[in-house]
Amino acid sequence: MSALYITEIPKNRFLTHTRTHKHTKLTS
């Protein structure tokens, strides 16, 4: 369970980063 947690955290962080980056691209 801890291993899954460790792998899920960066994945979610990456997804949110790309999502915000796309949003910034659209607005600018």
C-alpha atoms as a PDB file:
ATOM      1  CA  MET A   1       0.000   0.000   0.000  1.00  0.00           C
ATOM      2  CA  SER A   2       2.842   2.374   0.839  1.00  0.00           C
ATOM      3  CA  ALA A   3       4.540   1.571  -2.476  1.00  0.00           C
ATOM      4  CA  LEU A   4       1.371   2.470  -4.348  1.00  0.00           C
ATOM      5  CA  TYR A   5       1.126   5.682  -2.335  1.00  0.00           C
ATOM      6  CA  ILE A   6       4.711   6.630  -3.250  1.00  0.00           C
ATOM      7  CA  THR A   7       4.022   6.069  -6.956  1.00  0.00           C
ATOM      8  CA  GLU A   8       0.648   7.812  -6.918  1.00  0.00           C
ATOM      9  CA  ILE A   9       1.879  11.055  -5.374  1.00  0.00           C
ATOM     10  CA  PRO A  10       4.278  12.098  -8.215  1.00  0.00           C
ATOM     11  CA  LYS A  11       1.723  10.966 -10.796  1.00  0.00           C
ATOM     12  CA  ASN A  12      -0.963  13.205  -9.350  1.00  0.00           C
ATOM     13  CA  ARG A  13       1.494  16.063  -8.998  1.00  0.00           C
ATOM     14  CA  PHE A  14       2.513  15.668 -12.641  1.00  0.00           C
ATOM     15  CA  LEU A  15      -1.106  15.608 -13.796  1.00  0.00           C
ATOM     16  CA  THR A  16      -1.979  18.744 -11.868  1.00  0.00           C
ATOM     17  CA  HIS A  17       1.168  20.464 -13.176  1.00  0.00           C
ATOM     18  CA  THR A  18       0.305  19.710 -16.804  1.00  0.00           C
ATOM     19  CA  ARG A  19      -3.305  20.722 -16.205  1.00  0.00           C
ATOM     20  CA  THR A  20      -2.305  24.107 -14.801  1.00  0.00           C
ATOM     21  CA  HIS A  21       0.257  24.569 -17.576  1.00  0.00           C
ATOM     22  CA  LYS A  22      -2.412  23.952 -20.212  1.00  0.00           C
ATOM     23  CA  HIS A  23      -4.727  26.372 -18.440  1.00  0.00           C
ATOM     24  CA  THR A  24      -2.025  29.040 -18.417  1.00  0.00           C
ATOM     25  CA  LYS A  25      -1.414  28.462 -22.122  1.00  0.00           C
ATOM     26  CA  LEU A  26      -5.104  28.876 -22.888  1.00  0.00           C
ATOM     27  CA  THR A  27      -5.441  32.081 -20.883  1.00  0.00           C
ATOM     28  CA  SER A  28      -2.267  33.678 -22.254  1.00  0.00           C
END
